[in-house]
C-alpha atoms as a PDB file:
ATOM      1  CA  UNK A   1     122.616  71.921  99.777  1.00  0.00           C
ATOM      2  CA  UNK A   2     125.386  72.367  96.950  1.00  0.00           C
ATOM      3  CA  UNK A   3     126.551  71.989  93.601  1.00  0.00           C
ATOM      4  CA  UNK A   4     123.184  74.108  92.468  1.00  0.00           C
ATOM      5  CA  UNK A   5     122.417  73.561  88.095  1.00  0.00           C
ATOM      6  CA  UNK A   6     122.116  76.181  86.329  1.00  0.00           C
ATOM      7  CA  UNK A   7     118.498  75.777  85.883  1.00  0.00           C
ATOM      8  CA  UNK A   8     117.875  75.548  90.071  1.00  0.00           C
ATOM      9  CA  UNK A   9     120.242  78.894  90.247  1.00  0.00           C
ATOM     10  CA  UNK A  10     117.305  80.528  88.242  1.00  0.00           C
ATOM     11  CA  UNK A  11     115.062  79.768  90.590  1.00  0.00           C
ATOM     12  CA  UNK A  12     116.372  80.795  93.331  1.00  0.00           C
ATOM     13  CA  UNK A  13     117.568  84.492  91.813  1.00  0.00           C
ATOM     14  CA  UNK A  14     115.272  85.233  89.173  1.00  0.00           C
ATOM     15  CA  UNK A  15     117.020  88.192  87.376  1.00  0.00           C
ATOM     16  CA  UNK A  16     120.476  86.144  87.141  1.00  0.00           C
ATOM     17  CA  UNK A  17     121.319  86.044  83.601  1.00  0.00           C
ATOM     18  CA  UNK A  18     118.710  89.203  82.292  1.00  0.00           C
ATOM     19  CA  UNK A  19     119.073  92.320  81.064  1.00  0.00           C
ATOM     20  CA  UNK A  20     119.574  94.638  84.327  1.00  0.00           C
ATOM     21  CA  UNK A  21     120.596  91.727  86.568  1.00  0.00           C
ATOM     22  CA  UNK A  22     122.567  92.402  89.763  1.00  0.00           C
ATOM     23  CA  UNK A  23     126.041  91.622  90.495  1.00  0.00           C
ATOM     24  CA  UNK A  24     126.729  90.397  94.060  1.00  0.00           C
ATOM     25  CA  UNK A  25     129.951  89.711  95.995  1.00  0.00           C
ATOM     26  CA  UNK A  26     133.321  88.954  94.131  1.00  0.00           C
ATOM     27  CA  UNK A  27     134.046  86.171  96.659  1.00  0.00           C
ATOM     28  CA  UNK A  28     133.254  82.595  97.988  1.00  0.00           C
ATOM     29  CA  UNK A  29     130.794  82.841 101.673  1.00  0.00           C
ATOM     30  CA  UNK A  30     133.362  82.590 104.557  1.00  0.00           C
ATOM     31  CA  UNK A  31     132.807  81.002 107.534  1.00  0.00           C
ATOM     32  CA  UNK A  32     131.257  83.975 109.872  1.00  0.00           C
ATOM     33  CA  UNK A  33     128.670  83.871 107.642  1.00  0.00           C
ATOM     34  CA  UNK A  34     128.167  80.044 107.658  1.00  0.00           C
ATOM     35  CA  UNK A  35     128.227  80.103 110.904  1.00  0.00           C
ATOM     36  CA  UNK A  36     126.001  82.651 111.207  1.00  0.00           C
ATOM     37  CA  UNK A  37     123.538  80.950 109.186  1.00  0.00           C
ATOM     38  CA  UNK A  38     124.180  77.489 111.040  1.00  0.00           C
ATOM     39  CA  UNK A  39     123.538  79.806 115.291  1.00  0.00           C
ATOM     40  CA  UNK A  40     124.610  76.955 117.163  1.00  0.00           C
ATOM     41  CA  UNK A  41     125.960  78.459 119.540  1.00  0.00           C
ATOM     42  CA  UNK A  42     125.307  77.969 122.959  1.00  0.00           C
ATOM     43  CA  UNK A  43     125.144  79.888 126.451  1.00  0.00           C
ATOM     44  CA  UNK A  44     126.390  77.848 129.976  1.00  0.00           C
ATOM     45  CA  UNK A  45     123.761  77.504 132.121  1.00  0.00           C
ATOM     46  CA  UNK A  46     125.650  79.478 134.890  1.00  0.00           C
ATOM     47  CA  UNK A  47     125.370  82.632 132.697  1.00  0.00           C
ATOM     48  CA  UNK A  48     122.399  82.103 132.168  1.00  0.00           C
ATOM     49  CA  UNK A  49     120.993  81.930 135.840  1.00  0.00           C
ATOM     50  CA  UNK A  50     123.241  84.352 136.747  1.00  0.00           C
ATOM     51  CA  UNK A  51     121.829  86.585 133.824  1.00  0.00           C
ATOM     52  CA  UNK A  52     118.466  86.107 135.211  1.00  0.00           C
ATOM     53  CA  UNK A  53     118.784  86.996 138.509  1.00  0.00           C
ATOM     54  CA  UNK A  54     119.409  90.591 137.702  1.00  0.00           C
ATOM     55  CA  UNK A  55     116.187  90.163 135.626  1.00  0.00           C
ATOM     56  CA  UNK A  56     113.805  88.988 137.986  1.00  0.00           C
ATOM     57  CA  UNK A  57     114.029  85.584 137.036  1.00  0.00           C
ATOM     58  CA  UNK A  58     114.953  84.337 140.481  1.00  0.00           C
ATOM     59  CA  UNK A  59     112.409  85.799 142.403  1.00  0.00           C
ATOM     60  CA  UNK A  60     109.477  83.806 140.282  1.00  0.00           C
ATOM     61  CA  UNK A  61     108.404  80.634 141.051  1.00  0.00           C
ATOM     62  CA  UNK A  62     109.340  78.025 138.930  1.00  0.00           C
ATOM     63  CA  UNK A  63     106.648  76.196 139.121  1.00  0.00           C
ATOM     64  CA  UNK A  64     103.941  78.426 140.861  1.00  0.00           C
ATOM     65  CA  UNK A  65     100.597  79.140 139.775  1.00  0.00           C
ATOM     66  CA  UNK A  66     101.695  82.853 138.656  1.00  0.00           C
ATOM     67  CA  UNK A  67     104.787  81.820 136.724  1.00  0.00           C
ATOM     68  CA  UNK A  68     102.766  82.853 133.401  1.00  0.00           C
ATOM     69  CA  UNK A  69     101.305  86.226 134.819  1.00  0.00           C
ATOM     70  CA  UNK A  70     104.939  86.741 135.906  1.00  0.00           C
ATOM     71  CA  UNK A  71     106.851  86.269 133.586  1.00  0.00           C
ATOM     72  CA  UNK A  72     105.090  88.274 131.432  1.00  0.00           C
ATOM     73  CA  UNK A  73     106.759  91.278 133.095  1.00  0.00           C
ATOM     74  CA  UNK A  74     109.844  90.134 131.984  1.00  0.00           C
ATOM     75  CA  UNK A  75     112.903  90.602 129.586  1.00  0.00           C
ATOM     76  CA  UNK A  76     113.286  87.705 127.385  1.00  0.00           C
ATOM     77  CA  UNK A  77     117.026  85.946 128.070  1.00  0.00           C
ATOM     78  CA  UNK A  78     117.441  86.438 124.578  1.00  0.00           C
ATOM     79  CA  UNK A  79     116.870  90.040 123.878  1.00  0.00           C
ATOM     80  CA  UNK A  80     119.137  91.071 127.210  1.00  0.00           C
ATOM     81  CA  UNK A  81     122.337  88.738 125.456  1.00  0.00           C
ATOM     82  CA  UNK A  82     121.871  89.909 121.919  1.00  0.00           C
ATOM     83  CA  UNK A  83     121.734  93.330 123.679  1.00  0.00           C
ATOM     84  CA  UNK A  84     125.111  92.492 125.370  1.00  0.00           C
ATOM     85  CA  UNK A  85     126.641  92.074 122.362  1.00  0.00           C
ATOM     86  CA  UNK A  86     125.646  94.685 120.548  1.00  0.00           C
ATOM     87  CA  UNK A  87     127.176  96.839 123.212  1.00  0.00           C
ATOM     88  CA  UNK A  88     130.296  95.358 123.124  1.00  0.00           C
ATOM     89  CA  UNK A  89     131.046  94.321 119.884  1.00  0.00           C
ATOM     90  CA  UNK A  90     132.618  97.334 118.218  1.00  0.00           C
ATOM     91  CA  UNK A  91     135.216  97.488 120.632  1.00  0.00           C
ATOM     92  CA  UNK A  92     136.394  94.307 119.453  1.00  0.00           C
ATOM     93  CA  UNK A  93     135.952  95.153 115.599  1.00  0.00           C
ATOM     94  CA  UNK A  94     139.188  97.076 113.985  1.00  0.00           C
ATOM     95  CA  UNK A  95     136.536  99.488 111.812  1.00  0.00           C
ATOM     96  CA  UNK A  96     132.943  99.437 112.681  1.00  0.00           C
ATOM     97  CA  UNK A  97     130.910 101.439 110.890  1.00  0.00           C
ATOM     98  CA  UNK A  98     129.458 104.610 111.950  1.00  0.00           C
ATOM     99  CA  UNK A  99     125.798 102.596 112.247  1.00  0.00           C
ATOM    100  CA  UNK A 100     127.112 100.111 114.479  1.00  0.00           C
ATOM    101  CA  UNK A 101     129.209 102.776 116.746  1.00  0.00           C
ATOM    102  CA  UNK A 102     125.781 104.408 117.310  1.00  0.00           C
ATOM    103  CA  UNK A 103     123.764 101.288 117.650  1.00  0.00           C
ATOM    104  CA  UNK A 104     126.257  99.821 120.808  1.00  0.00           C
ATOM    105  CA  UNK A 105     125.682 103.380 122.671  1.00  0.00           C
ATOM    106  CA  UNK A 106     122.535 103.222 122.117  1.00  0.00           C
ATOM    107  CA  UNK A 107     122.855  99.610 123.603  1.00  0.00           C
ATOM    108  CA  UNK A 108     124.223  99.949 126.338  1.00  0.00           C
ATOM    109  CA  UNK A 109     121.854 102.926 127.364  1.00  0.00           C
ATOM    110  CA  UNK A 110     119.152 100.413 127.169  1.00  0.00           C
ATOM    111  CA  UNK A 111     120.495  97.895 129.451  1.00  0.00           C
ATOM    112  CA  UNK A 112     122.106 100.814 131.813  1.00  0.00           C
ATOM    113  CA  UNK A 113     117.721 101.627 131.682  1.00  0.00           C
ATOM    114  CA  UNK A 114     117.039  97.846 132.653  1.00  0.00           C
ATOM    115  CA  UNK A 115     119.220  97.659 134.832  1.00  0.00           C
ATOM    116  CA  UNK A 116     117.820 100.765 136.750  1.00  0.00           C
ATOM    117  CA  UNK A 117     114.349  99.672 136.637  1.00  0.00           C
ATOM    118  CA  UNK A 118     113.095 102.531 133.951  1.00  0.00           C
ATOM    119  CA  UNK A 119     110.721 100.659 131.595  1.00  0.00           C
ATOM    120  CA  UNK A 120     107.218 100.039 131.552  1.00  0.00           C
ATOM    121  CA  UNK A 121     105.062  96.491 131.121  1.00  0.00           C
ATOM    122  CA  UNK A 122     102.180  95.854 128.930  1.00  0.00           C
ATOM    123  CA  UNK A 123      99.771  96.087 131.974  1.00  0.00           C
ATOM    124  CA  UNK A 124     100.878  99.817 132.363  1.00  0.00           C
ATOM    125  CA  UNK A 125     101.436 100.700 128.930  1.00  0.00           C
ATOM    126  CA  UNK A 126      97.604  99.700 128.578  1.00  0.00           C
ATOM    127  CA  UNK A 127      96.742 101.500 131.629  1.00  0.00           C
ATOM    128  CA  UNK A 128      98.222 104.904 130.628  1.00  0.00           C
ATOM    129  CA  UNK A 129      96.746 104.622 126.218  1.00  0.00           C
ATOM    130  CA  UNK A 130      94.206 106.530 124.809  1.00  0.00           C
ATOM    131  CA  UNK A 131      91.421 104.143 123.823  1.00  0.00           C
ATOM    132  CA  UNK A 132      92.790 103.546 120.408  1.00  0.00           C
ATOM    133  CA  UNK A 133      94.228 100.824 118.949  1.00  0.00           C
ATOM    134  CA  UNK A 134      97.682 100.640 119.400  1.00  0.00           C
ATOM    135  CA  UNK A 135     100.203  97.756 117.751  1.00  0.00           C
ATOM    136  CA  UNK A 136     103.721  97.016 118.911  1.00  0.00           C
ATOM    137  CA  UNK A 137     105.731  94.294 115.850  1.00  0.00           C
ATOM    138  CA  UNK A 138     108.793  92.740 117.423  1.00  0.00           C
ATOM    139  CA  UNK A 139     111.069  93.727 114.437  1.00  0.00           C
ATOM    140  CA  UNK A 140     113.962  91.257 114.125  1.00  0.00           C
ATOM    141  CA  UNK A 141     117.535  92.172 112.621  1.00  0.00           C
ATOM    142  CA  UNK A 142     117.685  94.117 109.831  1.00  0.00           C
ATOM    143  CA  UNK A 143     117.794  92.382 106.500  1.00  0.00           C
ATOM    144  CA  UNK A 144     118.064  92.934 102.655  1.00  0.00           C
ATOM    145  CA  UNK A 145     114.856  91.931 100.791  1.00  0.00           C
ATOM    146  CA  UNK A 146     115.014  91.088  97.471  1.00  0.00           C
ATOM    147  CA  UNK A 147     117.169  92.600  94.552  1.00  0.00           C
ATOM    148  CA  UNK A 148     118.725  94.686  97.649  1.00  0.00           C
ATOM    149  CA  UNK A 149     120.239  91.233  99.011  1.00  0.00           C
ATOM    150  CA  UNK A 150     121.028  90.050  95.420  1.00  0.00           C
ATOM    151  CA  UNK A 151     123.995  92.466  95.595  1.00  0.00           C
ATOM    152  CA  UNK A 152     125.903  91.706  98.986  1.00  0.00           C
ATOM    153  CA  UNK A 153     125.271  87.686  98.429  1.00  0.00           C
ATOM    154  CA  UNK A 154     128.494  85.758  97.936  1.00  0.00           C
ATOM    155  CA  UNK A 155     129.443  83.647  94.344  1.00  0.00           C
ATOM    156  CA  UNK A 156     128.946  80.502  96.442  1.00  0.00           C
ATOM    157  CA  UNK A 157     125.467  81.598  98.833  1.00  0.00           C
ATOM    158  CA  UNK A 158     123.714  79.261  97.292  1.00  0.00           C
ATOM    159  CA  UNK A 159     125.656  76.312  99.343  1.00  0.00           C
ATOM    160  CA  UNK A 160     124.474  77.252 102.402  1.00  0.00           C
ATOM    161  CA  UNK A 161     120.323  77.307 102.430  1.00  0.00           C
ATOM    162  CA  UNK A 162     119.162  74.649 104.447  1.00  0.00           C
ATOM    163  CA  UNK A 163     117.061  71.769 102.734  1.00  0.00           C
ATOM    164  CA  UNK A 164     114.533  72.462 104.598  1.00  0.00           C
ATOM    165  CA  UNK A 165     113.838  75.793 106.176  1.00  0.00           C
ATOM    166  CA  UNK A 166     110.877  78.571 106.447  1.00  0.00           C
ATOM    167  CA  UNK A 167     109.567  79.186 103.046  1.00  0.00           C
ATOM    168  CA  UNK A 168     108.814  83.250 103.694  1.00  0.00           C
ATOM    169  CA  UNK A 169     106.062  84.145 101.486  1.00  0.00           C
ATOM    170  CA  UNK A 170     107.452  86.648  98.792  1.00  0.00           C
ATOM    171  CA  UNK A 171     106.019  87.409  95.996  1.00  0.00           C
ATOM    172  CA  UNK A 172     106.380  87.010  92.009  1.00  0.00           C
ATOM    173  CA  UNK A 173     109.941  88.905  92.089  1.00  0.00           C
ATOM    174  CA  UNK A 174     112.057  86.978  94.704  1.00  0.00           C
ATOM    175  CA  UNK A 175     112.005  83.671  95.925  1.00  0.00           C
ATOM    176  CA  UNK A 176     112.267  81.939  99.715  1.00  0.00           C
ATOM    177  CA  UNK A 177     115.661  80.665  98.753  1.00  0.00           C
ATOM    178  CA  UNK A 178     116.461  84.730  98.286  1.00  0.00           C
ATOM    179  CA  UNK A 179     114.373  86.037 101.308  1.00  0.00           C
ATOM    180  CA  UNK A 180     116.400  83.346 103.002  1.00  0.00           C
ATOM    181  CA  UNK A 181     119.868  84.549 102.390  1.00  0.00           C
ATOM    182  CA  UNK A 182     118.508  87.984 103.101  1.00  0.00           C
ATOM    183  CA  UNK A 183     117.724  87.079 106.126  1.00  0.00           C
ATOM    184  CA  UNK A 184     120.771  85.091 107.136  1.00  0.00           C
ATOM    185  CA  UNK A 185     123.689  86.058 105.125  1.00  0.00           C
ATOM    186  CA  UNK A 186     123.437  89.561 103.180  1.00  0.00           C
ATOM    187  CA  UNK A 187     125.266  92.163 105.034  1.00  0.00           C
ATOM    188  CA  UNK A 188     122.282  95.061 105.991  1.00  0.00           C
ATOM    189  CA  UNK A 189     124.639  98.043 107.291  1.00  0.00           C
ATOM    190  CA  UNK A 190     125.954 100.317 104.129  1.00  0.00           C
ATOM    191  CA  UNK A 191     122.397 101.317 103.013  1.00  0.00           C
ATOM    192  CA  UNK A 192     123.398 103.921 100.596  1.00  0.00           C
ATOM    193  CA  UNK A 193     125.934 101.569  98.589  1.00  0.00           C
ATOM    194  CA  UNK A 194     123.281  99.477  97.101  1.00  0.00           C
ATOM    195  CA  UNK A 195     121.847  99.693  93.853  1.00  0.00           C
ATOM    196  CA  UNK A 196     118.212 100.853  94.149  1.00  0.00           C
ATOM    197  CA  UNK A 197     116.746 100.971  90.474  1.00  0.00           C
ATOM    198  CA  UNK A 198     116.621  98.073  88.716  1.00  0.00           C
ATOM    199  CA  UNK A 199     115.070  96.204  86.399  1.00  0.00           C
ATOM    200  CA  UNK A 200     112.901  93.387  86.396  1.00  0.00           C
ATOM    201  CA  UNK A 201     112.448  94.010  90.050  1.00  0.00           C
ATOM    202  CA  UNK A 202     108.742  94.576  90.042  1.00  0.00           C
ATOM    203  CA  UNK A 203     110.115  98.555  91.929  1.00  0.00           C
ATOM    204  CA  UNK A 204     106.975  99.823  89.805  1.00  0.00           C
ATOM    205  CA  UNK A 205     105.226  98.308  93.287  1.00  0.00           C
ATOM    206  CA  UNK A 206     104.985  99.414  95.953  1.00  0.00           C
ATOM    207  CA  UNK A 207     105.434  96.940  98.280  1.00  0.00           C
ATOM    208  CA  UNK A 208     108.714  96.266  96.880  1.00  0.00           C
ATOM    209  CA  UNK A 209     109.994  99.760  97.188  1.00  0.00           C
ATOM    210  CA  UNK A 210     112.589  99.224  99.986  1.00  0.00           C
ATOM    211  CA  UNK A 211     115.773  97.603 101.125  1.00  0.00           C
ATOM    212  CA  UNK A 212     115.424  96.270 104.343  1.00  0.00           C
ATOM    213  CA  UNK A 213     113.324  95.021 106.682  1.00  0.00           C
ATOM    214  CA  UNK A 214     113.861  94.718 110.226  1.00  0.00           C
ATOM    215  CA  UNK A 215     114.964  97.388 112.696  1.00  0.00           C
ATOM    216  CA  UNK A 216     118.623  98.313 113.701  1.00  0.00           C
ATOM    217  CA  UNK A 217     118.063 100.877 117.207  1.00  0.00           C
ATOM    218  CA  UNK A 218     120.249 102.912 115.247  1.00  0.00           C
ATOM    219  CA  UNK A 219     117.634 103.545 112.812  1.00  0.00           C
ATOM    220  CA  UNK A 220     116.224 107.165 112.098  1.00  0.00           C
ATOM    221  CA  UNK A 221     111.992 107.271 112.116  1.00  0.00           C
ATOM    222  CA  UNK A 222     112.273 107.354 108.172  1.00  0.00           C
ATOM    223  CA  UNK A 223     113.960 103.718 107.861  1.00  0.00           C
ATOM    224  CA  UNK A 224     112.145 102.147 110.425  1.00  0.00           C
ATOM    225  CA  UNK A 225     108.639 103.245 108.775  1.00  0.00           C
ATOM    226  CA  UNK A 226     110.047 101.979 106.096  1.00  0.00           C
ATOM    227  CA  UNK A 227     110.863  98.478 107.181  1.00  0.00           C
ATOM    228  CA  UNK A 228     107.561  98.028 109.061  1.00  0.00           C
ATOM    229  CA  UNK A 229     104.656  99.773 107.413  1.00  0.00           C
ATOM    230  CA  UNK A 230     103.844  96.041 105.998  1.00  0.00           C
ATOM    231  CA  UNK A 231     102.836  93.592 105.742  1.00  0.00           C
ATOM    232  CA  UNK A 232     101.079  92.408 108.475  1.00  0.00           C
ATOM    233  CA  UNK A 233      98.569  90.334 109.719  1.00  0.00           C
ATOM    234  CA  UNK A 234      96.357  92.713 111.366  1.00  0.00           C
ATOM    235  CA  UNK A 235      93.077  94.865 111.729  1.00  0.00           C
ATOM    236  CA  UNK A 236      93.169  97.701 108.779  1.00  0.00           C
ATOM    237  CA  UNK A 237      91.469  99.437 111.892  1.00  0.00           C
ATOM    238  CA  UNK A 238      94.681 100.125 114.002  1.00  0.00           C
ATOM    239  CA  UNK A 239      95.299 103.640 114.702  1.00  0.00           C
ATOM    240  CA  UNK A 240      98.991 103.878 115.430  1.00  0.00           C
ATOM    241  CA  UNK A 241     101.924 101.288 114.733  1.00  0.00           C
ATOM    242  CA  UNK A 242     104.817 101.353 117.419  1.00  0.00           C
ATOM    243  CA  UNK A 243     107.859  99.322 115.907  1.00  0.00           C
ATOM    244  CA  UNK A 244     110.141  98.129 118.629  1.00  0.00           C
ATOM    245  CA  UNK A 245     113.062  96.023 119.027  1.00  0.00           C
ATOM    246  CA  UNK A 246     113.971  94.537 122.009  1.00  0.00           C
ATOM    247  CA  UNK A 247     111.329  96.093 123.631  1.00  0.00           C
ATOM    248  CA  UNK A 248     112.383  99.766 122.581  1.00  0.00           C
ATOM    249  CA  UNK A 249     109.973 102.015 120.862  1.00  0.00           C
ATOM    250  CA  UNK A 250     112.070 104.703 119.547  1.00  0.00           C
ATOM    251  CA  UNK A 251     109.248 105.629 117.735  1.00  0.00           C
ATOM    252  CA  UNK A 252     104.844 106.348 117.319  1.00  0.00           C
ATOM    253  CA  UNK A 253     103.620 105.928 114.206  1.00  0.00           C
ATOM    254  CA  UNK A 254      99.763 107.097 112.601  1.00  0.00           C
ATOM    255  CA  UNK A 255      98.169 105.535 109.877  1.00  0.00           C
ATOM    256  CA  UNK A 256      96.629 107.591 107.702  1.00  0.00           C
ATOM    257  CA  UNK A 257      92.905 107.366 107.369  1.00  0.00           C
ATOM    258  CA  UNK A 258      92.450 105.121 104.123  1.00  0.00           C
ATOM    259  CA  UNK A 259      96.076 104.481 104.379  1.00  0.00           C
ATOM    260  CA  UNK A 260      96.357 100.525 105.269  1.00  0.00           C
ATOM    261  CA  UNK A 261      96.822  98.588 101.895  1.00  0.00           C
ATOM    262  CA  UNK A 262      95.334  94.620 101.587  1.00  0.00           C
ATOM    263  CA  UNK A 263      98.128  92.277  99.242  1.00  0.00           C
ATOM    264  CA  UNK A 264      97.021  88.814  98.273  1.00  0.00           C
ATOM    265  CA  UNK A 265      99.275  85.457  98.623  1.00  0.00           C
ATOM    266  CA  UNK A 266      99.017  82.363  97.343  1.00  0.00           C
ATOM    267  CA  UNK A 267      98.646  80.129 100.062  1.00  0.00           C
ATOM    268  CA  UNK A 268      98.477  82.507 102.667  1.00  0.00           C
ATOM    269  CA  UNK A 269      96.148  85.069 104.116  1.00  0.00           C
ATOM    270  CA  UNK A 270      95.869  87.829 103.567  1.00  0.00           C
ATOM    271  CA  UNK A 271      98.196  90.549 104.087  1.00  0.00           C
ATOM    272  CA  UNK A 272      98.094  94.858 105.588  1.00  0.00           C
ATOM    273  CA  UNK A 273     101.115  97.599 104.771  1.00  0.00           C
ATOM    274  CA  UNK A 274     100.525 101.305 105.634  1.00  0.00           C
ATOM    275  CA  UNK A 275     101.153 102.995 102.241  1.00  0.00           C
ATOM    276  CA  UNK A 276     100.828 106.524 104.780  1.00  0.00           C
ATOM    277  CA  UNK A 277     101.233 107.636 107.775  1.00  0.00           C
ATOM    278  CA  UNK A 278     102.548 109.445 110.026  1.00  0.00           C
ATOM    279  CA  UNK A 279     105.261 109.958 112.432  1.00  0.00           C
ATOM    280  CA  UNK A 280     104.702 111.826 115.584  1.00  0.00           C
ATOM    281  CA  UNK A 281     107.375 113.937 116.581  1.00  0.00           C
ATOM    282  CA  UNK A 282     105.715 113.907 120.530  1.00  0.00           C
ATOM    283  CA  UNK A 283     108.960 116.551 121.371  1.00  0.00           C
ATOM    284  CA  UNK A 284     107.778 119.641 118.957  1.00  0.00           C
ATOM    285  CA  UNK A 285     104.100 118.263 119.343  1.00  0.00           C
ATOM    286  CA  UNK A 286     104.140 118.170 115.031  1.00  0.00           C
ATOM    287  CA  UNK A 287     103.059 115.673 112.275  1.00  0.00           C
ATOM    288  CA  UNK A 288     105.856 114.410 109.484  1.00  0.00           C
ATOM    289  CA  UNK A 289     103.794 113.116 106.955  1.00  0.00           C
ATOM    290  CA  UNK A 290     105.099 109.958 105.239  1.00  0.00           C
ATOM    291  CA  UNK A 291     104.651 109.251 101.801  1.00  0.00           C
ATOM    292  CA  UNK A 292     105.789 107.498  98.667  1.00  0.00           C
ATOM    293  CA  UNK A 293     108.902 105.717  98.982  1.00  0.00           C
ATOM    294  CA  UNK A 294     111.759 107.487  96.350  1.00  0.00           C
ATOM    295  CA  UNK A 295     114.072 105.692  94.185  1.00  0.00           C
ATOM    296  CA  UNK A 296     116.676 108.315  95.110  1.00  0.00           C
ATOM    297  CA  UNK A 297     117.359 108.461  98.639  1.00  0.00           C
ATOM    298  CA  UNK A 298     117.729 104.465  99.386  1.00  0.00           C
ATOM    299  CA  UNK A 299     113.702 103.996  98.960  1.00  0.00           C
ATOM    300  CA  UNK A 300     112.514 105.887 102.212  1.00  0.00           C
ATOM    301  CA  UNK A 301     109.533 107.885 102.528  1.00  0.00           C
ATOM    302  CA  UNK A 302     109.414 111.317 101.193  1.00  0.00           C
ATOM    303  CA  UNK A 303     109.403 113.277 104.351  1.00  0.00           C
ATOM    304  CA  UNK A 304     107.297 116.438 105.275  1.00  0.00           C
ATOM    305  CA  UNK A 305     105.867 118.490 107.834  1.00  0.00           C
ATOM    306  CA  UNK A 306     102.411 118.105 108.344  1.00  0.00           C
ATOM    307  CA  UNK A 307      99.605 121.066 108.271  1.00  0.00           C
ATOM    308  CA  UNK A 308      97.463 119.370 110.452  1.00  0.00           C
ATOM    309  CA  UNK A 309      98.485 119.436 114.292  1.00  0.00           C
ATOM    310  CA  UNK A 310      98.401 116.589 115.937  1.00  0.00           C
ATOM    311  CA  UNK A 311      95.313 115.122 117.992  1.00  0.00           C
ATOM    312  CA  UNK A 312      95.173 114.867 121.299  1.00  0.00           C
ATOM    313  CA  UNK A 313      95.210 111.269 120.996  1.00  0.00           C
ATOM    314  CA  UNK A 314      98.409 111.295 118.986  1.00  0.00           C
ATOM    315  CA  UNK A 315      99.533 113.401 121.479  1.00  0.00           C
ATOM    316  CA  UNK A 316      98.768 111.091 124.557  1.00  0.00           C
ATOM    317  CA  UNK A 317      99.970 107.740 122.720  1.00  0.00           C
ATOM    318  CA  UNK A 318     103.133 108.849 122.023  1.00  0.00           C
ATOM    319  CA  UNK A 319     103.920 110.420 125.296  1.00  0.00           C
ATOM    320  CA  UNK A 320     103.292 106.744 126.651  1.00  0.00           C
ATOM    321  CA  UNK A 321     105.993 104.891 123.708  1.00  0.00           C
ATOM    322  CA  UNK A 322     107.858 106.820 122.592  1.00  0.00           C
ATOM    323  CA  UNK A 323     111.564 105.991 123.377  1.00  0.00           C
ATOM    324  CA  UNK A 324     110.460 103.890 126.065  1.00  0.00           C
ATOM    325  CA  UNK A 325     110.775 100.239 126.581  1.00  0.00           C
ATOM    326  CA  UNK A 326     108.730  97.549 127.688  1.00  0.00           C
ATOM    327  CA  UNK A 327     108.829  94.665 129.376  1.00  0.00           C
ATOM    328  CA  UNK A 328     107.329  91.992 126.308  1.00  0.00           C
ATOM    329  CA  UNK A 329     107.965  89.009 128.837  1.00  0.00           C
ATOM    330  CA  UNK A 330     109.900  85.569 128.370  1.00  0.00           C
ATOM    331  CA  UNK A 331     109.380  83.918 125.524  1.00  0.00           C
ATOM    332  CA  UNK A 332     107.235  85.749 123.546  1.00  0.00           C
ATOM    333  CA  UNK A 333     106.195  84.508 120.562  1.00  0.00           C
ATOM    334  CA  UNK A 334     103.973  86.723 118.720  1.00  0.00           C
ATOM    335  CA  UNK A 335     105.231  89.359 116.279  1.00  0.00           C
ATOM    336  CA  UNK A 336     102.142  91.330 116.819  1.00  0.00           C
ATOM    337  CA  UNK A 337     101.395  92.403 120.172  1.00  0.00           C
ATOM    338  CA  UNK A 338      98.307  94.203 120.781  1.00  0.00           C
ATOM    339  CA  UNK A 339      99.102  97.612 123.649  1.00  0.00           C
ATOM    340  CA  UNK A 340      95.386  98.573 123.292  1.00  0.00           C
ATOM    341  CA  UNK A 341      92.532  98.133 121.893  1.00  0.00           C
ATOM    342  CA  UNK A 342      89.176 100.963 120.914  1.00  0.00           C
ATOM    343  CA  UNK A 343      86.764 100.262 123.030  1.00  0.00           C
ATOM    344  CA  UNK A 344      87.864  97.679 124.604  1.00  0.00           C
ATOM    345  CA  UNK A 345      89.793  96.809 128.353  1.00  0.00           C
ATOM    346  CA  UNK A 346      92.483  93.947 127.852  1.00  0.00           C
ATOM    347  CA  UNK A 347      93.410  91.545 130.106  1.00  0.00           C
ATOM    348  CA  UNK A 348      96.781  90.209 131.647  1.00  0.00           C
ATOM    349  CA  UNK A 349      95.972  88.018 134.076  1.00  0.00           C
END
């Protein structure tokens, strides 16, 4: 799509030309950014076969009766390829950011652990968890949201938007086009350099009070909570949420009593957002209360040590999951995965 008229551009970028509008990058889209939006990179068959060997795919009979059950116990090939790239890219880049270097180091550690068999299957996780509703969220790559994305877009970024694409349910303060550009074009690093207080961005509404979605391996627990607290199609009875990238689960959160809020979107089922919760600091056996987003600190949640101590169930869930890796299965499509459900035994056969 190219040559957008001013009126069309106005629809894509709601604040353009208004008081408090944000200015993006003072340059045009480059070839690296455009290729990222097309993403037609392929991996040769021999490399896929070789990678499948150490991951256990070669031990599964392709058309055997147990193939589906066995494939649910391995890692997705695409996730491992992403981990391998993340682990090597900082060595190729001239000036990787501190976050990118940290993420590369963590990716190397995860690959070593996976190679050594230091991970759990969903069945093992289920059997070790107490009887509580525990949901895992499969987080995507870091992506800027709404007014934050607007600050990182090249002048002609709209030319990269395809004629047909998945249109996110966005609400009134951004658009599906802008959400798409935030996912595929905008650089989601160095959040501290972004403007956090912008007129006409809907920042009086809690659901707009964040800069980024998705998850980096280098994220702190506050950033993970900010990105992962919603919106999700989950039961408001969900007690624990476990954001995960590539099966890695660095943090476990407990949603506060009454901490789920139901939001409605036109043309979509209602979704839920967590407005208050706790990070379960299992090492120090304490809860860190996560409150309202702070506009003076990249809209990260306010955090303080909670007066209440964690329950035995809190610590039990966190001990099973915090810092651990779960093999979520080959080609896993579900974004939300129930690891355990209160008063119900899940079947993995």
